[in-house]
Amino acid sequence: RQYPAINQTPPSSMTPASWTAAYEAAKARGAIPGYPVAAPGGTGQYPQGTNVGQVCSWTATKCFGHDDIYEAPANEWAVSFDDGPTQQSEGLYRFLASQNQTSTSFMIGSQVLDFPNALQVAKQSNIQMALHTWSHTPLCGLTDEQIVAELGWNMQIVMDETGLLPALYRPPQGDVDDRVRAIAREVFGLRAVMWAYDSNDWCLNGQGGSACPGQVPGQDKQSVVDYIYQTIYKKDRSQGVIILEHELTTDSVGIFESYYPTLKTAGWQPHCIAEL
């Protein structure tokens, strides 16, 4: 199968007719709102005159959709990672398997092309595979057709490599609104997974540096570790934890592997997203 070029939104000319037909049918029955496209880059900025509250943009107003997953039940901790597969992924998956721990990986289609063997290890390790678009482009700044291509090709390559059909996606940078949600749901049967806690572990480059100077957590490894332990030992457990973490670097993966045993000793029940 020919896949689109990596790290860019696939052209509509490559979109299979069946995806287009599913989109057009959903649009015709009024299931996809005609909200305007936002400015590109995950800015949360819409054309003048847009009722931003109505579009339910997480970027603009931190609005969650009616079927978004963003909270875990009491005493439960969601184990999940964004931006895989990477050089760190196979080791992470084997660690999780050694602990008999389920988890969810939100995979980028372009990364799957670079690390196809990681998906076989993920499948053997009982990782729940979910989507993070083809090119990691914020979705609200794309046209309907581009959103179909980003999610469709992401789903296609995961299914081609594993035989499994993902049911969940996480929008890059959390950039989602009700137009994006409707396309994902009506065309591909996908449900958005958001988060309530953010470790900023993506800031760490694995070599002692950070892309987020002055930001807490994120400015250094210790700030990320401290934030996670504060979350582990929070007093109110009536709301569980969905925390944003990444399988990007030795730092982000190493931090998880080091704190993981504490989850159970602290009384949390860790699960993949599907088991919450």
Protein backbone atom coordinates (compact mmCIF):
# COMPACT_ATOMS: atom_id res chain seq x y z
CA ARG A 1 0.00 0.00 0.00
CA GLN A 2 1.23 3.51 -0.77
CA TYR A 3 1.06 5.80 2.25
CA PRO A 4 1.15 9.60 2.24
CA ALA A 5 4.37 11.53 2.78
CA ILE A 6 5.40 11.69 6.41
CA ASN A 7 4.92 14.68 8.71
CA GLN A 8 2.47 16.54 6.51
CA THR A 9 -1.30 16.44 6.09
CA PRO A 10 -2.15 13.87 3.40
CA PRO A 11 -3.55 15.34 0.17
CA SER A 12 -7.25 14.79 -0.46
CA SER A 13 -6.31 13.19 -3.78
CA MET A 14 -5.14 10.15 -1.79
CA THR A 15 -8.34 9.82 0.26
CA PRO A 16 -10.18 6.55 -0.52
CA ALA A 17 -13.66 6.96 -1.96
CA SER A 18 -15.22 5.07 0.95
CA TRP A 19 -13.98 7.65 3.47
CA THR A 20 -15.28 10.49 1.33
CA ALA A 21 -18.65 8.76 0.94
CA ALA A 22 -18.96 8.26 4.70
CA TYR A 23 -18.14 11.93 5.27
CA GLU A 24 -20.58 13.15 2.63
CA ALA A 25 -23.37 10.97 4.02
CA ALA A 26 -22.79 12.32 7.54
CA LYS A 27 -22.71 15.88 6.24
CA ALA A 28 -25.94 15.34 4.29
CA ARG A 29 -27.81 14.09 7.35
CA GLY A 30 -26.71 17.12 9.34
CA ALA A 31 -24.36 15.23 11.64
CA ILE A 32 -21.34 17.47 10.99
CA PRO A 33 -21.70 21.15 11.94
CA GLY A 34 -20.55 23.79 9.50
CA TYR A 35 -18.37 25.68 11.97
CA PRO A 36 -15.54 27.70 10.42
CA VAL A 37 -11.95 26.51 10.23
CA ALA A 38 -9.74 28.04 12.93
CA ALA A 39 -6.43 29.73 12.26
CA PRO A 40 -3.74 27.06 11.76
CA GLY A 41 -1.33 25.92 14.44
CA GLY A 42 -3.66 25.24 17.34
CA THR A 43 -4.22 28.92 18.14
CA GLY A 44 -7.88 28.63 19.11
CA GLN A 45 -8.57 31.71 16.98
CA TYR A 46 -11.66 31.66 14.76
CA PRO A 47 -12.89 34.12 12.12
CA GLN A 48 -14.51 37.28 13.44
CA GLY A 49 -18.16 36.74 14.28
CA THR A 50 -17.74 33.08 15.27
CA ASN A 51 -19.61 32.05 18.41
CA VAL A 52 -16.59 30.45 20.07
CA GLY A 53 -18.67 29.07 22.93
CA GLN A 54 -20.90 27.24 20.49
CA VAL A 55 -18.06 25.49 18.64
CA CYS A 56 -16.83 23.98 21.96
CA SER A 57 -13.12 24.45 21.26
CA TRP A 58 -10.87 23.00 23.94
CA THR A 59 -8.03 25.26 22.82
CA ALA A 60 -10.13 28.43 23.00
CA THR A 61 -12.33 27.80 26.04
CA LYS A 62 -11.24 24.42 27.53
CA CYS A 63 -14.63 23.07 26.45
CA PHE A 64 -15.06 19.29 26.58
CA GLY A 65 -17.43 17.55 24.16
CA HIS A 66 -20.33 15.48 25.46
CA ASP A 67 -18.54 12.21 24.72
CA ASP A 68 -14.92 13.26 25.38
CA ILE A 69 -13.05 11.10 27.87
CA TYR A 70 -11.07 13.34 30.23
CA GLU A 71 -11.67 12.05 33.75
CA ALA A 72 -11.03 8.68 35.33
CA PRO A 73 -13.26 7.09 37.99
CA ALA A 74 -12.33 7.45 41.64
CA ASN A 75 -9.01 5.81 42.59
CA GLU A 76 -8.19 4.91 38.96
CA TRP A 77 -5.11 6.10 37.06
CA ALA A 78 -5.00 6.00 33.26
CA VAL A 79 -1.70 4.76 31.83
CA SER A 80 -1.28 6.32 28.40
CA PHE A 81 1.38 7.85 26.16
CA ASP A 82 1.42 10.17 23.15
CA ASP A 83 3.64 10.54 20.06
CA GLY A 84 4.79 6.95 19.54
CA PRO A 85 6.20 4.89 18.25
CA THR A 86 9.76 6.13 18.87
CA GLN A 87 13.14 4.61 19.68
CA GLN A 88 11.96 4.40 23.29
CA SER A 89 8.70 2.58 22.58
CA GLU A 90 9.73 -1.07 22.39
CA GLY A 91 11.50 -0.87 25.76
CA LEU A 92 8.48 0.84 27.30
CA TYR A 93 6.08 -1.78 25.93
CA ARG A 94 8.25 -4.61 27.23
CA PHE A 95 8.41 -2.96 30.65
CA LEU A 96 4.61 -2.67 30.73
CA ALA A 97 4.25 -6.31 29.68
CA SER A 98 6.68 -7.38 32.42
CA GLN A 99 4.39 -5.66 34.93
CA ASN A 100 1.26 -7.16 33.34
CA GLN A 101 0.13 -3.55 32.93
CA THR A 102 -2.28 -2.43 30.22
CA SER A 103 -1.81 1.00 28.66
CA THR A 104 -2.94 3.12 25.72
CA SER A 105 -0.57 4.53 23.09
CA PHE A 106 -1.75 7.41 20.92
CA MET A 107 0.28 6.74 17.79
CA ILE A 108 1.26 9.10 14.98
CA GLY A 109 0.86 7.55 11.54
CA SER A 110 4.12 9.00 10.22
CA GLN A 111 5.98 7.51 13.19
CA VAL A 112 4.54 4.08 12.45
CA LEU A 113 6.25 4.20 9.05
CA ASP A 114 9.57 4.84 10.81
CA PHE A 115 9.12 2.22 13.57
CA PRO A 116 6.82 -0.52 12.24
CA ASN A 117 8.30 -3.25 14.46
CA ALA A 118 7.26 -1.30 17.54
CA LEU A 119 3.62 -2.00 16.69
CA GLN A 120 4.25 -5.73 16.72
CA VAL A 121 5.83 -5.41 20.16
CA ALA A 122 2.87 -3.26 21.24
CA LYS A 123 0.41 -5.90 20.06
CA GLN A 124 2.32 -8.67 21.87
CA SER A 125 2.43 -6.48 24.99
CA ASN A 126 -1.34 -5.94 25.07
CA ILE A 127 -1.04 -2.21 24.42
CA GLN A 128 -4.30 -0.52 23.42
CA MET A 129 -3.49 1.28 20.18
CA ALA A 130 -5.15 4.64 19.59
CA LEU A 131 -4.70 7.48 17.12
CA HIS A 132 -2.81 10.79 17.23
CA THR A 133 -3.28 11.77 13.53
CA TRP A 134 -1.02 11.14 10.56
CA SER A 135 1.26 14.18 10.93
CA HIS A 136 0.57 15.61 14.42
CA THR A 137 -1.02 18.71 12.90
CA PRO A 138 -3.56 20.59 15.10
CA LEU A 139 -6.96 19.65 13.69
CA CYS A 140 -9.14 22.75 14.13
CA GLY A 141 -7.07 24.62 11.55
CA LEU A 142 -7.77 21.99 8.87
CA THR A 143 -10.66 21.61 6.44
CA ASP A 144 -13.15 18.78 6.85
CA GLU A 145 -11.43 16.85 4.06
CA GLN A 146 -8.01 17.28 5.66
CA ILE A 147 -9.32 16.03 9.02
CA VAL A 148 -10.70 12.93 7.27
CA ALA A 149 -7.27 12.34 5.72
CA GLU A 150 -5.34 12.86 8.99
CA LEU A 151 -7.49 10.43 10.97
CA GLY A 152 -8.14 7.98 8.15
CA TRP A 153 -4.52 7.36 7.20
CA ASN A 154 -3.55 7.15 10.87
CA MET A 155 -6.22 4.47 11.38
CA GLN A 156 -5.29 2.69 8.15
CA ILE A 157 -1.61 2.18 8.94
CA VAL A 158 -2.29 0.98 12.49
CA MET A 159 -4.83 -1.50 11.16
CA ASP A 160 -2.50 -2.63 8.36
CA GLU A 161 0.32 -3.30 10.82
CA THR A 162 -1.71 -4.96 13.59
CA GLY A 163 -5.10 -6.04 12.25
CA LEU A 164 -6.66 -3.95 15.03
CA LEU A 165 -9.11 -1.10 14.51
CA PRO A 166 -8.56 1.80 16.94
CA ALA A 167 -11.61 3.30 18.66
CA LEU A 168 -9.99 6.31 20.35
CA TYR A 169 -7.96 9.32 19.29
CA ARG A 170 -6.22 12.20 21.01
CA PRO A 171 -6.14 15.47 19.06
CA PRO A 172 -2.60 16.91 18.81
CA GLN A 173 -2.14 19.67 21.40
CA GLY A 174 -5.72 18.95 22.50
CA ASP A 175 -6.90 21.04 19.55
CA VAL A 176 -10.47 19.86 19.03
CA ASP A 177 -13.92 21.38 18.57
CA ASP A 178 -17.36 20.01 17.78
CA ARG A 179 -16.67 19.98 14.03
CA VAL A 180 -13.58 17.83 14.52
CA ARG A 181 -15.37 15.61 17.05
CA ALA A 182 -18.27 15.04 14.65
CA ILE A 183 -16.02 14.08 11.73
CA ALA A 184 -14.05 11.65 13.90
CA ARG A 185 -17.22 10.10 15.34
CA GLU A 186 -19.42 9.98 12.24
CA VAL A 187 -16.81 8.94 9.66
CA PHE A 188 -14.56 6.66 11.71
CA GLY A 189 -16.44 5.87 14.95
CA LEU A 190 -13.73 7.55 17.02
CA ARG A 191 -14.03 9.12 20.46
CA ALA A 192 -11.70 11.85 21.74
CA VAL A 193 -9.52 11.30 24.80
CA MET A 194 -8.37 14.44 26.60
CA TRP A 195 -6.74 14.87 30.02
CA ALA A 196 -7.07 16.63 33.35
CA TYR A 197 -3.37 16.63 34.33
CA ASP A 198 -0.35 17.57 32.20
CA SER A 199 3.16 16.50 33.19
CA ASN A 200 4.87 18.51 30.39
CA ASP A 201 7.31 15.61 30.07
CA TRP A 202 7.49 16.34 26.32
CA CYS A 203 9.61 19.40 27.19
CA LEU A 204 12.55 17.20 28.27
CA ASN A 205 15.04 16.31 25.54
CA GLY A 206 16.69 13.33 27.25
CA GLN A 207 20.04 15.15 27.46
CA GLY A 208 19.41 17.40 30.44
CA GLY A 209 17.77 20.19 28.48
CA SER A 210 14.21 21.46 28.20
CA ALA A 211 12.11 23.17 25.54
CA CYS A 212 10.15 24.92 28.31
CA PRO A 213 12.50 27.14 30.35
CA GLY A 214 10.79 28.75 33.33
CA GLN A 215 7.74 26.50 33.06
CA VAL A 216 6.67 24.36 36.02
CA PRO A 217 6.32 21.51 35.41
CA GLY A 218 8.61 21.21 32.40
CA GLN A 219 11.65 23.42 32.97
CA ASP A 220 13.70 20.44 34.14
CA LYS A 221 13.33 16.78 34.96
CA GLN A 222 12.83 17.38 38.69
CA SER A 223 9.87 19.70 38.07
CA VAL A 224 8.13 16.97 36.06
CA VAL A 225 8.87 14.31 38.69
CA ASP A 226 7.63 16.59 41.48
CA TYR A 227 4.38 17.33 39.64
CA ILE A 228 3.67 13.65 39.06
CA TYR A 229 4.30 12.73 42.70
CA GLN A 230 2.09 15.62 43.85
CA THR A 231 -0.63 14.13 41.65
CA ILE A 232 -0.05 10.61 42.99
CA TYR A 233 -0.40 11.82 46.57
CA LYS A 234 -3.31 14.23 46.05
CA LYS A 235 -5.78 14.02 48.91
CA ASP A 236 -9.01 13.97 46.91
CA ARG A 237 -9.30 10.69 45.00
CA SER A 238 -12.98 11.13 44.06
CA GLN A 239 -11.75 12.02 40.58
CA GLY A 240 -9.18 9.65 39.14
CA VAL A 241 -6.29 10.70 36.91
CA ILE A 242 -5.85 10.98 33.16
CA ILE A 243 -2.40 12.54 32.85
CA LEU A 244 -0.67 13.59 29.64
CA GLU A 245 2.59 11.69 29.14
CA HIS A 246 4.79 10.86 26.15
CA GLU A 247 6.91 7.96 24.92
CA LEU A 248 9.38 10.41 23.39
CA THR A 249 12.69 10.36 25.24
CA THR A 250 14.72 8.47 27.82
CA ASP A 251 13.57 11.17 30.25
CA SER A 252 9.82 10.79 29.71
CA VAL A 253 9.89 6.99 29.62
CA GLY A 254 12.40 6.77 32.47
CA ILE A 255 10.28 9.00 34.70
CA PHE A 256 7.26 6.74 34.16
CA GLU A 257 9.16 3.53 34.82
CA SER A 258 10.62 4.97 38.03
CA TYR A 259 7.34 6.19 39.52
CA TYR A 260 5.15 3.32 38.27
CA PRO A 261 5.63 1.04 41.35
CA THR A 262 4.46 3.91 43.55
CA LEU A 263 1.04 3.96 41.88
CA LYS A 264 -0.01 0.68 43.44
CA THR A 265 1.64 1.25 46.80
CA ALA A 266 -0.17 4.60 46.96
CA GLY A 267 -3.47 2.82 46.33
CA TRP A 268 -4.14 3.71 42.69
CA GLN A 269 -5.60 1.22 40.22
CA PRO A 270 -3.72 1.73 36.93
CA HIS A 271 -5.47 0.83 33.66
CA CYS A 272 -5.45 1.59 29.97
CA ILE A 273 -8.11 4.07 28.82
CA ALA A 274 -10.49 1.33 27.62
CA GLU A 275 -10.57 -0.27 31.08
CA LEU A 276 -11.48 2.88 33.04
